[in-house]
Amino acid sequence: MDALKITLQILLGITSLLLTLLILLHKGRGGGMSDMFGGGMTTSLGSSGVAEKNLNRFTVILGLTWGAVIVALGLIMRFGAEA
């Protein structure tokens, strides 16, 4: 049980970092925090439509994976001590 817990914790760390990077790669949709980092420029320097869709897909899949790891770790911590 400890090996599974450690593996999930490592997976959580990796997915957290990757999710943060993927979110920062998204194109800004207007004002706000994205303007601070240069995301407010309206030139065609951003990614193309296909690349943006793929980035969205990867972000959603990684977010769902991150959520599943959180739930699994919570269940192990809650019910793993009783076994």
N, C-alpha and C. Protein backbone atom coordinates (compact mmCIF):
# COMPACT_ATOMS: atom_id res chain seq x y z
N MET A 1 0.84 -1.20 0.00
CA MET A 1 0.00 0.00 0.00
C MET A 1 0.87 1.25 0.00
N ASP A 2 2.02 1.18 0.67
CA ASP A 2 2.90 2.35 0.70
C ASP A 2 3.49 2.66 -0.67
N ALA A 3 3.79 1.62 -1.45
CA ALA A 3 4.35 1.84 -2.78
C ALA A 3 3.33 2.54 -3.67
N LEU A 4 2.07 2.15 -3.56
CA LEU A 4 1.02 2.79 -4.35
C LEU A 4 0.86 4.25 -3.93
N LYS A 5 0.92 4.49 -2.64
CA LYS A 5 0.77 5.86 -2.13
C LYS A 5 1.92 6.75 -2.62
N ILE A 6 3.12 6.23 -2.59
CA ILE A 6 4.29 7.00 -3.04
C ILE A 6 4.20 7.25 -4.54
N THR A 7 3.78 6.22 -5.29
CA THR A 7 3.64 6.38 -6.74
C THR A 7 2.61 7.45 -7.08
N LEU A 8 1.48 7.43 -6.37
CA LEU A 8 0.46 8.44 -6.61
C LEU A 8 0.92 9.84 -6.22
N GLN A 9 1.71 9.95 -5.16
CA GLN A 9 2.23 11.25 -4.76
C GLN A 9 3.20 11.80 -5.80
N ILE A 10 4.04 10.93 -6.36
CA ILE A 10 4.96 11.36 -7.42
C ILE A 10 4.17 11.77 -8.66
N LEU A 11 3.15 10.97 -9.01
CA LEU A 11 2.31 11.30 -10.15
C LEU A 11 1.58 12.62 -9.94
N LEU A 12 1.16 12.87 -8.71
CA LEU A 12 0.50 14.14 -8.39
C LEU A 12 1.45 15.32 -8.59
N GLY A 13 2.68 15.17 -8.15
CA GLY A 13 3.67 16.25 -8.34
C GLY A 13 3.94 16.53 -9.81
N ILE A 14 4.09 15.47 -10.59
CA ILE A 14 4.37 15.63 -12.02
C ILE A 14 3.18 16.26 -12.74
N THR A 15 1.98 15.74 -12.46
CA THR A 15 0.80 16.30 -13.13
C THR A 15 0.53 17.74 -12.71
N SER A 16 0.84 18.07 -11.47
CA SER A 16 0.65 19.45 -11.01
C SER A 16 1.55 20.41 -11.78
N LEU A 17 2.81 20.03 -11.94
CA LEU A 17 3.75 20.89 -12.68
C LEU A 17 3.35 21.01 -14.14
N LEU A 18 3.00 19.88 -14.77
CA LEU A 18 2.62 19.91 -16.17
C LEU A 18 1.33 20.69 -16.39
N LEU A 19 0.39 20.55 -15.47
CA LEU A 19 -0.87 21.28 -15.59
C LEU A 19 -0.64 22.79 -15.48
N THR A 20 0.24 23.18 -14.58
CA THR A 20 0.58 24.60 -14.44
C THR A 20 1.20 25.13 -15.73
N LEU A 21 2.13 24.37 -16.30
CA LEU A 21 2.77 24.81 -17.55
C LEU A 21 1.77 24.88 -18.70
N LEU A 22 0.89 23.90 -18.81
CA LEU A 22 -0.09 23.91 -19.89
C LEU A 22 -1.06 25.07 -19.76
N ILE A 23 -1.47 25.38 -18.55
CA ILE A 23 -2.38 26.50 -18.34
C ILE A 23 -1.70 27.82 -18.71
N LEU A 24 -0.42 27.95 -18.39
CA LEU A 24 0.30 29.18 -18.73
C LEU A 24 0.53 29.31 -20.23
N LEU A 25 0.49 28.20 -20.97
CA LEU A 25 0.68 28.26 -22.41
C LEU A 25 -0.56 28.73 -23.16
N HIS A 26 -1.71 28.72 -22.52
CA HIS A 26 -2.94 29.13 -23.18
C HIS A 26 -2.90 30.60 -23.55
N LYS A 27 -3.54 30.89 -24.66
CA LYS A 27 -3.62 32.26 -25.16
C LYS A 27 -4.58 33.05 -24.29
N GLY A 28 -4.21 34.28 -23.96
CA GLY A 28 -5.09 35.14 -23.18
C GLY A 28 -6.33 35.52 -23.95
N ARG A 29 -7.45 35.63 -23.28
CA ARG A 29 -8.73 35.94 -23.94
C ARG A 29 -9.15 37.39 -23.73
N GLY A 30 -8.27 38.22 -23.28
CA GLY A 30 -8.64 39.61 -23.07
C GLY A 30 -7.81 40.19 -21.94
N GLY A 31 -8.38 41.15 -21.23
CA GLY A 31 -7.68 41.80 -20.15
C GLY A 31 -7.45 40.88 -18.97
N GLY A 32 -6.83 41.40 -17.98
CA GLY A 32 -6.58 40.62 -16.77
C GLY A 32 -5.11 40.26 -16.63
N MET A 33 -4.89 39.15 -15.97
CA MET A 33 -3.52 38.73 -15.67
C MET A 33 -2.71 38.40 -16.92
N SER A 34 -3.37 37.95 -18.00
CA SER A 34 -2.63 37.58 -19.20
C SER A 34 -1.96 38.80 -19.84
N ASP A 35 -2.50 39.98 -19.66
CA ASP A 35 -1.88 41.20 -20.21
C ASP A 35 -0.54 41.49 -19.55
N MET A 36 -0.40 41.10 -18.30
CA MET A 36 0.84 41.34 -17.58
C MET A 36 2.00 40.58 -18.22
N PHE A 37 1.72 39.42 -18.79
CA PHE A 37 2.77 38.58 -19.35
C PHE A 37 2.84 38.67 -20.86
N GLY A 38 2.23 39.68 -21.44
CA GLY A 38 2.29 39.85 -22.88
C GLY A 38 1.19 39.14 -23.62
N GLY A 39 0.20 38.59 -22.94
CA GLY A 39 -0.87 37.87 -23.59
C GLY A 39 -1.92 38.76 -24.21
N GLY A 40 -1.83 40.05 -23.99
CA GLY A 40 -2.83 40.96 -24.50
C GLY A 40 -2.57 41.43 -25.92
N MET A 41 -1.47 41.00 -26.53
CA MET A 41 -1.16 41.43 -27.89
C MET A 41 -2.12 40.76 -28.86
N THR A 42 -2.60 41.51 -29.82
CA THR A 42 -3.58 40.99 -30.76
C THR A 42 -2.95 40.60 -32.09
N THR A 43 -1.67 40.40 -32.13
CA THR A 43 -1.02 39.98 -33.37
C THR A 43 -1.17 38.48 -33.54
N SER A 44 -0.70 37.96 -34.63
CA SER A 44 -0.84 36.53 -34.92
C SER A 44 0.35 35.73 -34.37
N LEU A 45 0.91 36.17 -33.27
CA LEU A 45 2.03 35.44 -32.67
C LEU A 45 1.57 34.22 -31.90
N GLY A 46 0.28 34.10 -31.63
CA GLY A 46 -0.26 32.98 -30.86
C GLY A 46 -0.26 31.71 -31.68
N SER A 47 -0.70 30.64 -31.05
CA SER A 47 -0.74 29.35 -31.73
C SER A 47 -1.92 29.30 -32.70
N SER A 48 -1.82 28.38 -33.64
CA SER A 48 -2.90 28.24 -34.62
C SER A 48 -4.11 27.57 -33.98
N GLY A 49 -5.19 27.48 -34.73
CA GLY A 49 -6.42 26.90 -34.20
C GLY A 49 -6.26 25.44 -33.81
N VAL A 50 -5.56 24.66 -34.63
CA VAL A 50 -5.38 23.24 -34.34
C VAL A 50 -4.50 23.05 -33.11
N ALA A 51 -3.45 23.83 -33.02
CA ALA A 51 -2.56 23.72 -31.87
C ALA A 51 -3.29 24.12 -30.59
N GLU A 52 -4.14 25.13 -30.68
CA GLU A 52 -4.90 25.58 -29.50
C GLU A 52 -5.89 24.51 -29.06
N LYS A 53 -6.54 23.85 -30.03
CA LYS A 53 -7.47 22.77 -29.69
C LYS A 53 -6.74 21.60 -29.05
N ASN A 54 -5.57 21.25 -29.58
CA ASN A 54 -4.79 20.17 -28.98
C ASN A 54 -4.32 20.54 -27.58
N LEU A 55 -3.92 21.77 -27.39
CA LEU A 55 -3.51 22.24 -26.06
C LEU A 55 -4.68 22.15 -25.09
N ASN A 56 -5.87 22.50 -25.55
CA ASN A 56 -7.07 22.39 -24.71
C ASN A 56 -7.34 20.94 -24.34
N ARG A 57 -7.22 20.04 -25.31
CA ARG A 57 -7.45 18.61 -25.05
C ARG A 57 -6.45 18.07 -24.02
N PHE A 58 -5.17 18.38 -24.22
CA PHE A 58 -4.15 17.90 -23.29
C PHE A 58 -4.39 18.45 -21.88
N THR A 59 -4.80 19.71 -21.81
CA THR A 59 -5.04 20.33 -20.51
C THR A 59 -6.22 19.66 -19.80
N VAL A 60 -7.29 19.39 -20.54
CA VAL A 60 -8.45 18.74 -19.94
C VAL A 60 -8.12 17.33 -19.48
N ILE A 61 -7.42 16.57 -20.32
CA ILE A 61 -7.04 15.20 -19.96
C ILE A 61 -6.13 15.20 -18.73
N LEU A 62 -5.16 16.11 -18.72
CA LEU A 62 -4.26 16.18 -17.57
C LEU A 62 -4.99 16.65 -16.32
N GLY A 63 -5.95 17.55 -16.47
CA GLY A 63 -6.74 18.00 -15.32
C GLY A 63 -7.59 16.88 -14.75
N LEU A 64 -8.19 16.07 -15.62
CA LEU A 64 -8.96 14.92 -15.14
C LEU A 64 -8.07 13.89 -14.46
N THR A 65 -6.88 13.68 -15.00
CA THR A 65 -5.92 12.76 -14.38
C THR A 65 -5.51 13.28 -13.01
N TRP A 66 -5.24 14.58 -12.93
CA TRP A 66 -4.86 15.20 -11.66
C TRP A 66 -5.97 15.03 -10.62
N GLY A 67 -7.21 15.24 -11.03
CA GLY A 67 -8.34 15.08 -10.13
C GLY A 67 -8.51 13.64 -9.66
N ALA A 68 -8.32 12.69 -10.58
CA ALA A 68 -8.43 11.27 -10.22
C ALA A 68 -7.35 10.87 -9.22
N VAL A 69 -6.15 11.40 -9.40
CA VAL A 69 -5.06 11.09 -8.46
C VAL A 69 -5.37 11.68 -7.09
N ILE A 70 -5.93 12.88 -7.05
CA ILE A 70 -6.31 13.49 -5.77
C ILE A 70 -7.34 12.63 -5.05
N VAL A 71 -8.36 12.18 -5.80
CA VAL A 71 -9.41 11.35 -5.19
C VAL A 71 -8.82 10.03 -4.71
N ALA A 72 -7.97 9.40 -5.52
CA ALA A 72 -7.36 8.13 -5.14
C ALA A 72 -6.50 8.28 -3.89
N LEU A 73 -5.72 9.34 -3.82
CA LEU A 73 -4.90 9.57 -2.62
C LEU A 73 -5.77 9.81 -1.40
N GLY A 74 -6.85 10.54 -1.58
CA GLY A 74 -7.77 10.78 -0.46
C GLY A 74 -8.40 9.50 0.04
N LEU A 75 -8.79 8.63 -0.88
CA LEU A 75 -9.38 7.35 -0.49
C LEU A 75 -8.36 6.45 0.21
N ILE A 76 -7.14 6.45 -0.29
CA ILE A 76 -6.09 5.63 0.34
C ILE A 76 -5.79 6.16 1.74
N MET A 77 -5.71 7.46 1.89
CA MET A 77 -5.41 8.02 3.21
C MET A 77 -6.57 7.80 4.18
N ARG A 78 -7.78 7.80 3.65
CA ARG A 78 -8.96 7.63 4.52
C ARG A 78 -9.16 6.19 4.92
N PHE A 79 -9.10 5.28 3.94
CA PHE A 79 -9.43 3.88 4.20
C PHE A 79 -8.21 2.96 4.23
N GLY A 80 -7.05 3.46 3.83
CA GLY A 80 -5.86 2.62 3.79
C GLY A 80 -5.30 2.28 5.16
N ALA A 81 -5.52 3.13 6.15
CA ALA A 81 -4.98 2.89 7.48
C ALA A 81 -5.73 1.77 8.21
N GLU A 82 -6.98 1.50 7.79
CA GLU A 82 -7.78 0.49 8.45
C GLU A 82 -7.40 -0.91 7.99
N ALA A 83 -6.83 -1.03 6.80
CA ALA A 83 -6.50 -2.35 6.26
C ALA A 83 -5.22 -2.90 6.83
